[in-house]
């Protein structure tokens, strides 16, 4: 059984450990109206900075640049059409395209999707989070694969 952190310092330490172990550049978590962001300033040192600030439940966070991906991770290259809308990852974790292994994926290219429909599941800190679409339209591109690590602000799908 995993011990739950009891205060902000323990949460920050746990997040720092995740960044180090997963070789991430940044992680941001919001819980109980408190937003915690930890950034790895240098991949060669253990320096991290932290920011703790209260936030409103409807606060919009500016997306962070997506990390470079290898050819194996790219499902389709972003086309950045003017009329296109992009649904971005609200957190860091592991991306799953279906509710359980072997079942039909939530999303498919060419499928109509409505705002609020589930598009992926992100596993973060042993918790599975269903991620809803923030847009309505037809799915033109899917930028993630099943089981791949996903970063905060990374494009998940393109919708027109």
Protein backbone atom coordinates (compact mmCIF):
# COMPACT_ATOMS: atom_id res chain seq x y z
CA UNK A 1 0.00 0.00 0.00
CA UNK A 2 1.31 3.43 -0.96
CA UNK A 3 1.52 5.99 1.84
CA UNK A 4 -0.35 9.21 1.00
CA UNK A 5 1.57 12.45 1.55
CA UNK A 6 0.13 14.43 4.45
CA UNK A 7 1.40 17.95 3.76
CA UNK A 8 2.63 20.16 0.94
CA UNK A 9 6.32 19.53 1.66
CA UNK A 10 5.82 15.76 1.36
CA UNK A 11 3.86 16.26 -1.88
CA UNK A 12 6.66 18.42 -3.31
CA UNK A 13 9.28 15.84 -2.31
CA UNK A 14 7.23 13.08 -3.92
CA UNK A 15 6.81 15.16 -7.10
CA UNK A 16 10.55 15.89 -7.17
CA UNK A 17 11.25 12.17 -6.91
CA UNK A 18 8.87 11.49 -9.81
CA UNK A 19 10.61 14.15 -11.95
CA UNK A 20 14.01 12.64 -11.20
CA UNK A 21 12.93 9.00 -11.67
CA UNK A 22 10.94 9.67 -14.87
CA UNK A 23 13.50 12.15 -16.28
CA UNK A 24 10.81 14.86 -16.69
CA UNK A 25 11.47 18.55 -17.12
CA UNK A 26 8.32 19.76 -15.34
CA UNK A 27 5.21 18.55 -13.53
CA UNK A 28 2.17 20.50 -12.35
CA UNK A 29 -0.54 19.21 -10.03
CA UNK A 30 -3.67 20.93 -8.74
CA UNK A 31 -5.42 19.60 -5.64
CA UNK A 32 -7.84 21.19 -3.16
CA UNK A 33 -7.42 24.64 -4.71
CA UNK A 34 -3.61 24.51 -4.47
CA UNK A 35 -1.48 24.34 -7.59
CA UNK A 36 2.02 22.89 -7.32
CA UNK A 37 4.52 23.18 -10.17
CA UNK A 38 7.99 21.68 -9.96
CA UNK A 39 10.54 22.26 -12.71
CA UNK A 40 13.87 20.52 -13.18
CA UNK A 41 16.24 23.42 -13.96
CA UNK A 42 19.03 21.18 -15.18
CA UNK A 43 18.86 17.57 -16.26
CA UNK A 44 22.41 17.13 -14.84
CA UNK A 45 21.70 18.37 -11.30
CA UNK A 46 18.99 17.79 -8.76
CA UNK A 47 18.00 21.47 -8.59
CA UNK A 48 14.26 22.02 -8.67
CA UNK A 49 12.15 25.08 -8.11
CA UNK A 50 8.67 25.09 -6.70
CA UNK A 51 5.69 27.38 -6.78
CA UNK A 52 2.65 26.96 -4.58
CA UNK A 53 -0.25 29.28 -5.27
CA UNK A 54 -4.00 29.09 -4.70
CA UNK A 55 -5.99 28.80 -7.88
CA UNK A 56 -9.60 28.89 -8.87
CA UNK A 57 -11.20 25.69 -10.22
CA UNK A 58 -11.80 27.33 -13.62
CA UNK A 59 -8.34 28.84 -14.05
CA UNK A 60 -6.85 28.33 -17.50
CA UNK A 61 -3.14 27.55 -17.57
CA UNK A 62 -1.07 28.53 -20.61
CA UNK A 63 0.23 25.42 -22.37
CA UNK A 64 3.91 24.54 -22.11
CA UNK A 65 5.92 23.58 -25.18
CA UNK A 66 5.73 19.88 -25.94
CA UNK A 67 8.95 17.89 -25.67
CA UNK A 68 10.71 16.53 -28.74
CA UNK A 69 9.52 13.03 -29.65
CA UNK A 70 11.16 10.23 -31.55
CA UNK A 71 9.79 8.92 -34.85
CA UNK A 72 8.41 5.88 -33.00
CA UNK A 73 6.19 8.07 -30.79
CA UNK A 74 4.63 10.17 -33.55
CA UNK A 75 1.21 8.98 -34.65
CA UNK A 76 0.74 11.86 -37.08
CA UNK A 77 2.53 15.18 -37.45
CA UNK A 78 0.62 18.28 -36.35
CA UNK A 79 -0.64 20.28 -39.30
CA UNK A 80 -1.69 23.40 -37.33
CA UNK A 81 -4.61 24.32 -39.60
CA UNK A 82 -6.12 27.72 -38.92
CA UNK A 83 -9.59 26.27 -38.25
CA UNK A 84 -8.24 23.40 -36.17
CA UNK A 85 -8.61 23.20 -32.41
CA UNK A 86 -6.27 21.20 -30.20
CA UNK A 87 -7.07 19.34 -26.99
CA UNK A 88 -4.02 19.41 -24.71
CA UNK A 89 -2.99 17.27 -21.77
CA UNK A 90 -3.90 18.85 -18.41
CA UNK A 91 -1.27 16.78 -16.57
CA UNK A 92 1.82 14.61 -16.77
CA UNK A 93 1.47 10.84 -16.71
CA UNK A 94 1.00 7.75 -18.84
CA UNK A 95 -1.61 7.96 -21.61
CA UNK A 96 -4.13 5.18 -22.29
CA UNK A 97 -6.47 5.31 -25.30
CA UNK A 98 -9.11 2.86 -24.01
CA UNK A 99 -10.88 2.29 -20.69
CA UNK A 100 -9.20 -1.11 -20.25
CA UNK A 101 -6.66 -3.23 -22.13
CA UNK A 102 -8.10 -4.78 -25.30
CA UNK A 103 -11.24 -2.64 -25.36
CA UNK A 104 -12.28 -0.16 -28.06
CA UNK A 105 -10.38 3.18 -27.88
CA UNK A 106 -12.23 6.32 -26.79
CA UNK A 107 -11.21 8.19 -29.97
CA UNK A 108 -10.63 7.45 -33.67
CA UNK A 109 -9.65 9.70 -36.58
CA UNK A 110 -12.78 10.86 -38.43
CA UNK A 111 -15.07 10.32 -35.43
CA UNK A 112 -17.30 13.17 -34.18
CA UNK A 113 -16.61 14.12 -30.59
CA UNK A 114 -18.51 16.43 -28.25
CA UNK A 115 -17.17 18.67 -25.52
CA UNK A 116 -16.99 16.57 -22.33
CA UNK A 117 -16.64 13.19 -24.09
CA UNK A 118 -13.79 11.08 -22.66
CA UNK A 119 -10.76 11.01 -24.99
CA UNK A 120 -8.00 9.30 -22.96
CA UNK A 121 -7.08 8.15 -19.48
CA UNK A 122 -3.93 9.50 -17.84
CA UNK A 123 -2.35 7.53 -15.03
CA UNK A 124 -0.58 9.89 -12.65
CA UNK A 125 0.68 8.93 -9.19
CA UNK A 126 -1.21 5.59 -9.27
CA UNK A 127 -4.49 7.40 -10.05
CA UNK A 128 -6.38 6.95 -13.33
CA UNK A 129 -7.87 10.23 -14.58
CA UNK A 130 -10.41 10.28 -17.42
CA UNK A 131 -9.63 13.29 -19.61
CA UNK A 132 -12.63 14.88 -21.39
CA UNK A 133 -12.55 16.75 -24.69
CA UNK A 134 -12.54 20.52 -24.35
CA UNK A 135 -13.83 20.94 -27.92
CA UNK A 136 -16.59 19.66 -30.23
CA UNK A 137 -15.89 18.55 -33.80
CA UNK A 138 -14.36 15.84 -35.99
CA UNK A 139 -11.05 14.25 -34.91
CA UNK A 140 -8.44 14.97 -37.61
CA UNK A 141 -5.25 13.77 -35.87
CA UNK A 142 -4.29 11.80 -32.77
CA UNK A 143 -0.87 12.73 -31.40
CA UNK A 144 -0.50 10.12 -28.63
CA UNK A 145 -0.17 6.35 -28.52
CA UNK A 146 -1.39 3.87 -25.94
CA UNK A 147 0.99 3.55 -22.99
CA UNK A 148 3.20 6.52 -23.92
CA UNK A 149 4.34 9.11 -21.37
CA UNK A 150 2.54 12.44 -21.82
CA UNK A 151 3.60 15.91 -20.68
CA UNK A 152 1.51 18.82 -19.42
CA UNK A 153 0.30 20.93 -22.38
CA UNK A 154 1.14 18.28 -24.98
CA UNK A 155 -1.34 18.02 -27.89
CA UNK A 156 -3.61 14.98 -27.59
CA UNK A 157 -5.90 15.46 -30.60
CA UNK A 158 -6.64 17.92 -33.41
CA UNK A 159 -10.31 18.72 -34.02
CA UNK A 160 -11.96 20.57 -36.92
